[in-house]
Amino acid sequence: MYFFLFYLSLSDTCLSTCTAPRAIVGSLLKKTVISFSECLIQVFSLHLFGCLEIFILILMAVDHYVAICKPLHYMTIMSRRVCAVLMAVAWVGSCVHSLAQIFLALSLPYCGPNVTDHYFCDLEPLLELACADTYVVNLLLVSNSGAICSVSFVLLMFNYVVILHSLRNHSAEGRRKALSTCISHITVVVLFFGPCIFIYTRPATTLPMDKMIAVFYTVGTPLLNPLIYTLRNAEVKNAMRKLWSKKVISDDLK
């Protein structure tokens, strides 16, 4: 679990770093200009780490399934070597997805206007600047990003239905531990996939709420993920209780 949590934290950090610093600097300096090449780099990075987070969440769900449903075979199935190979596949798949987005953007001519109504560069706001028919590209966009989000979300929910169904044969303590782990992951999945599905499975229409939703899944969700996992972790909660008890005792002695 901690092996995948490390990479989830890494993808969260990189995902928010792709957009937040540039947007903050632009707001403070009142300089909202970005070059085309810089914009494409932002699109590439955004989709690379966003897709990587999706794959990591899927791997974490598989890890939970093996740990809960096949505990005696866990060390054999989810060995360190297997986990490393799965992460390598996730990185490669994310790169392929992100490169496909860049090729879609570069396949269109851009001749103005050159102003996007968004906080950062994403493919849909960028395509609105193209001076050509974008119907096919938008269809490919929905087929690519939208399909990844929707199919992954359905697979994750099905995985947890299977896990929750299997818990009926566990002891009360086993169910409590399994539910504590699963609820944290399900919460993160819903917070991340909800905005992504809303953004990337629609036709090429820009709604007023799109910007706030995009900021939530690029900045808000990475900020909430560490809190969700740490506050649901028994070891962290026990450490916080001990720290609080020591503080109370020291305050009483004073």
Protein backbone atom coordinates (compact mmCIF):
# COMPACT_ATOMS: atom_id res chain seq x y z
CA MET A 1 0.00 0.00 0.00
CA TYR A 2 2.75 2.46 0.93
CA PHE A 3 4.62 1.71 -2.30
CA PHE A 4 1.66 2.95 -4.34
CA LEU A 5 0.90 5.78 -1.90
CA PHE A 6 4.39 7.16 -2.54
CA TYR A 7 3.73 7.36 -6.28
CA LEU A 8 0.23 8.74 -5.71
CA SER A 9 1.76 11.54 -3.63
CA LEU A 10 4.36 12.12 -6.34
CA SER A 11 1.71 12.36 -9.08
CA ASP A 12 -0.41 14.66 -6.88
CA THR A 13 2.55 16.99 -6.33
CA CYS A 14 3.48 17.06 -10.00
CA LEU A 15 -0.15 17.50 -11.12
CA SER A 16 -0.68 20.59 -8.98
CA THR A 17 2.80 21.92 -9.84
CA CYS A 18 1.91 21.84 -13.56
CA THR A 19 -0.72 24.55 -13.17
CA ALA A 20 -0.81 26.23 -9.74
CA PRO A 21 2.60 28.06 -9.67
CA ARG A 22 2.14 29.46 -13.18
CA ALA A 23 -1.40 30.64 -12.39
CA ILE A 24 -0.34 32.21 -9.07
CA VAL A 25 2.60 34.06 -10.61
CA GLY A 26 0.41 35.28 -13.47
CA SER A 27 -2.20 36.57 -11.01
CA LEU A 28 0.33 38.36 -8.80
CA LEU A 29 2.29 39.94 -11.65
CA LYS A 30 -0.83 40.62 -13.74
CA LYS A 31 0.99 38.88 -16.58
CA THR A 32 -1.28 36.28 -18.15
CA VAL A 33 0.75 35.63 -21.28
CA ILE A 34 2.08 32.16 -22.07
CA SER A 35 3.94 31.05 -25.19
CA PHE A 36 2.52 28.33 -27.43
CA SER A 37 5.38 25.92 -26.67
CA GLU A 38 4.99 26.53 -22.93
CA CYS A 39 1.26 25.93 -23.29
CA LEU A 40 1.86 22.59 -25.00
CA ILE A 41 4.29 21.57 -22.24
CA GLN A 42 1.60 22.37 -19.70
CA VAL A 43 -0.96 20.27 -21.61
CA PHE A 44 1.52 17.37 -21.83
CA SER A 45 2.42 17.53 -18.12
CA LEU A 46 -1.20 17.90 -17.02
CA HIS A 47 -2.37 14.83 -18.93
CA LEU A 48 0.76 12.83 -18.08
CA PHE A 49 0.35 13.14 -14.31
CA GLY A 50 -3.45 13.12 -14.44
CA CYS A 51 -3.45 9.84 -16.36
CA LEU A 52 -0.70 8.49 -14.08
CA GLU A 53 -2.91 9.20 -11.07
CA ILE A 54 -5.76 7.27 -12.68
CA PHE A 55 -3.52 4.25 -13.28
CA ILE A 56 -2.12 4.42 -9.73
CA LEU A 57 -5.63 4.49 -8.28
CA ILE A 58 -6.43 1.37 -10.34
CA LEU A 59 -3.26 -0.36 -9.08
CA MET A 60 -4.15 0.55 -5.50
CA ALA A 61 -7.60 -0.98 -6.00
CA VAL A 62 -6.00 -4.18 -7.32
CA ASP A 63 -3.65 -4.16 -4.33
CA HIS A 64 -6.64 -3.85 -1.97
CA TYR A 65 -8.47 -6.66 -3.75
CA VAL A 66 -5.53 -9.06 -3.41
CA ALA A 67 -4.91 -8.06 0.22
CA ILE A 68 -8.55 -8.58 1.25
CA CYS A 69 -9.72 -11.40 -1.02
CA LYS A 70 -6.48 -13.41 -1.36
CA PRO A 71 -4.46 -12.57 1.77
CA LEU A 72 -2.47 -15.83 1.84
CA HIS A 73 -1.17 -15.23 -1.70
CA TYR A 74 -0.59 -11.50 -1.27
CA MET A 75 3.23 -11.57 -0.96
CA THR A 76 3.49 -13.80 -4.02
CA ILE A 77 1.07 -11.87 -6.25
CA MET A 78 2.02 -8.32 -5.18
CA SER A 79 5.76 -8.73 -4.80
CA ARG A 80 8.06 -5.72 -5.03
CA ARG A 81 9.10 -6.77 -8.53
CA VAL A 82 5.48 -7.02 -9.71
CA CYS A 83 4.66 -3.62 -8.20
CA ALA A 84 7.68 -2.05 -9.93
CA VAL A 85 6.67 -3.54 -13.30
CA LEU A 86 3.08 -2.32 -12.87
CA MET A 87 4.31 1.19 -12.08
CA ALA A 88 6.57 1.16 -15.14
CA VAL A 89 3.60 0.15 -17.30
CA ALA A 90 1.56 2.98 -15.74
CA TRP A 91 4.28 5.53 -16.61
CA VAL A 92 4.51 4.26 -20.20
CA GLY A 93 0.72 4.29 -20.62
CA SER A 94 0.53 7.84 -19.25
CA CYS A 95 3.22 9.03 -21.67
CA VAL A 96 1.41 7.45 -24.62
CA HIS A 97 -1.86 9.11 -23.60
CA SER A 98 -0.22 12.51 -23.11
CA LEU A 99 1.65 12.34 -26.42
CA ALA A 100 -1.63 11.52 -28.17
CA GLN A 101 -3.11 14.72 -26.72
CA ILE A 102 -0.18 16.78 -27.98
CA PHE A 103 -0.45 15.30 -31.48
CA LEU A 104 -4.14 16.20 -31.50
CA ALA A 105 -3.30 19.79 -30.60
CA LEU A 106 -0.50 20.07 -33.18
CA SER A 107 -2.66 18.66 -35.96
CA LEU A 108 -4.68 21.90 -36.11
CA PRO A 109 -3.70 25.36 -37.44
CA TYR A 110 -3.85 28.33 -35.05
CA CYS A 111 -4.31 31.79 -36.48
CA GLY A 112 -6.14 33.71 -33.74
CA PRO A 113 -7.68 34.79 -31.51
CA ASN A 114 -5.01 33.90 -28.99
CA VAL A 115 -6.87 34.36 -25.68
CA THR A 116 -8.30 31.43 -23.70
CA ASP A 117 -10.95 31.75 -21.00
CA HIS A 118 -9.16 29.45 -18.57
CA TYR A 119 -6.65 29.45 -15.71
CA PHE A 120 -4.23 27.13 -17.49
CA CYS A 121 -3.68 25.40 -20.82
CA ASP A 122 -5.83 22.35 -21.43
CA LEU A 123 -6.73 20.74 -24.72
CA GLU A 124 -10.37 21.85 -24.94
CA PRO A 125 -9.70 25.60 -24.33
CA LEU A 126 -6.74 25.35 -26.71
CA LEU A 127 -8.85 23.81 -29.48
CA GLU A 128 -11.21 26.78 -29.32
CA LEU A 129 -8.35 28.91 -30.73
CA ALA A 130 -7.94 26.73 -33.83
CA CYS A 131 -9.07 28.21 -37.14
CA ALA A 132 -10.29 24.87 -38.55
CA ASP A 133 -13.05 22.37 -37.95
CA THR A 134 -12.32 20.65 -34.60
CA TYR A 135 -15.20 18.16 -34.62
CA VAL A 136 -13.03 15.10 -35.33
CA VAL A 137 -10.34 16.18 -32.85
CA ASN A 138 -12.96 16.78 -30.17
CA LEU A 139 -14.41 13.34 -30.88
CA LEU A 140 -10.95 11.82 -30.44
CA LEU A 141 -10.51 13.82 -27.26
CA VAL A 142 -13.71 12.41 -25.76
CA SER A 143 -12.78 8.92 -26.99
CA ASN A 144 -9.33 9.21 -25.40
CA SER A 145 -9.55 11.17 -22.13
CA GLY A 146 -13.27 10.62 -21.61
CA ALA A 147 -13.05 6.87 -22.17
CA ILE A 148 -10.07 6.51 -19.82
CA CYS A 149 -11.90 8.38 -17.05
CA SER A 150 -15.26 6.65 -17.48
CA VAL A 151 -14.00 3.09 -18.00
CA SER A 152 -11.50 3.39 -15.14
CA PHE A 153 -14.17 4.70 -12.78
CA VAL A 154 -16.55 1.85 -13.65
CA LEU A 155 -13.78 -0.73 -13.17
CA LEU A 156 -12.84 0.76 -9.80
CA MET A 157 -16.42 0.76 -8.56
CA PHE A 158 -16.92 -2.83 -9.75
CA ASN A 159 -13.70 -3.84 -7.96
CA TYR A 160 -14.96 -2.39 -4.68
CA VAL A 161 -18.38 -4.00 -5.07
CA VAL A 162 -16.55 -7.35 -5.29
CA ILE A 163 -14.40 -6.49 -2.27
CA LEU A 164 -17.36 -5.37 -0.15
CA HIS A 165 -19.29 -8.51 -1.14
CA SER A 166 -16.36 -10.70 -0.07
CA LEU A 167 -16.21 -9.05 3.38
CA ARG A 168 -19.29 -10.97 4.53
CA ASN A 169 -16.99 -13.94 5.23
CA HIS A 170 -14.52 -11.92 7.32
CA SER A 171 -14.48 -11.34 11.05
CA ALA A 172 -15.80 -8.10 12.52
CA GLU A 173 -12.27 -6.80 13.12
CA GLY A 174 -11.24 -7.78 9.58
CA ARG A 175 -14.26 -6.00 8.11
CA ARG A 176 -13.49 -2.88 10.13
CA LYS A 177 -9.88 -2.72 8.90
CA ALA A 178 -10.84 -3.47 5.29
CA LEU A 179 -13.63 -0.88 5.29
CA SER A 180 -11.32 1.75 6.76
CA THR A 181 -8.84 1.24 3.91
CA CYS A 182 -11.48 0.98 1.18
CA ILE A 183 -13.45 4.05 2.27
CA SER A 184 -10.34 6.23 2.05
CA HIS A 185 -9.65 5.03 -1.48
CA ILE A 186 -13.26 5.30 -2.62
CA THR A 187 -13.39 8.89 -1.32
CA VAL A 188 -10.27 9.81 -3.29
CA VAL A 189 -11.61 8.07 -6.42
CA VAL A 190 -14.93 9.95 -6.31
CA LEU A 191 -13.25 13.33 -5.67
CA PHE A 192 -10.85 12.85 -8.58
CA PHE A 193 -13.01 11.09 -11.17
CA GLY A 194 -16.15 13.16 -10.67
CA PRO A 195 -14.65 16.43 -12.03
CA CYS A 196 -12.60 14.59 -14.69
CA ILE A 197 -15.64 12.78 -16.09
CA PHE A 198 -17.60 16.05 -16.11
CA ILE A 199 -14.84 17.86 -18.02
CA TYR A 200 -13.68 15.24 -20.51
CA THR A 201 -16.81 13.30 -21.45
CA ARG A 202 -18.81 16.29 -22.74
CA PRO A 203 -18.85 17.71 -26.26
CA ALA A 204 -16.75 20.81 -26.94
CA THR A 205 -18.82 23.24 -24.90
CA THR A 206 -17.38 25.58 -22.30
CA LEU A 207 -19.47 26.16 -19.18
CA PRO A 208 -18.87 28.89 -16.56
CA MET A 209 -18.18 26.28 -13.87
CA ASP A 210 -15.50 24.49 -15.91
CA LYS A 211 -12.69 26.66 -14.58
CA MET A 212 -13.54 26.09 -10.92
CA ILE A 213 -13.98 22.34 -11.47
CA ALA A 214 -10.64 22.17 -13.29
CA VAL A 215 -8.93 24.00 -10.41
CA PHE A 216 -10.52 21.56 -7.94
CA TYR A 217 -9.17 18.39 -9.57
CA THR A 218 -5.73 19.88 -10.31
CA VAL A 219 -5.18 21.62 -6.95
CA GLY A 220 -7.98 20.75 -4.51
CA THR A 221 -7.89 16.96 -4.87
CA PRO A 222 -4.07 16.68 -4.55
CA LEU A 223 -4.35 18.81 -1.42
CA LEU A 224 -7.10 16.64 0.10
CA ASN A 225 -5.59 13.24 -0.74
CA PRO A 226 -2.83 13.31 1.94
CA LEU A 227 -5.37 14.43 4.56
CA ILE A 228 -7.81 11.66 3.62
CA TYR A 229 -5.19 8.91 3.73
CA THR A 230 -3.41 10.10 6.88
CA LEU A 231 -6.57 10.74 8.92
CA ARG A 232 -7.94 7.30 7.93
CA ASN A 233 -4.66 5.54 8.75
CA ALA A 234 -4.66 3.78 12.13
CA GLU A 235 -0.92 4.25 12.69
CA VAL A 236 -1.12 7.97 12.01
CA LYS A 237 -4.18 8.38 14.26
CA ASN A 238 -2.44 6.52 17.11
CA ALA A 239 0.65 8.71 16.73
CA MET A 240 -1.52 11.86 16.79
CA ARG A 241 -3.31 10.62 19.95
CA LYS A 242 0.02 10.00 21.69
CA LEU A 243 1.29 13.42 20.65
CA TRP A 244 -1.91 15.09 21.88
CA SER A 245 -1.75 13.19 25.19
CA LYS A 246 1.83 14.32 25.75
CA LYS A 247 0.86 17.92 24.99
CA VAL A 248 -2.07 17.78 27.44
CA ILE A 249 0.11 16.28 30.17
CA SER A 250 2.86 18.88 29.67
CA ASP A 251 0.29 21.70 29.74
CA ASP A 252 -1.16 20.31 33.02
CA LEU A 253 2.30 20.15 34.58
CA LYS A 254 2.90 23.79 33.68
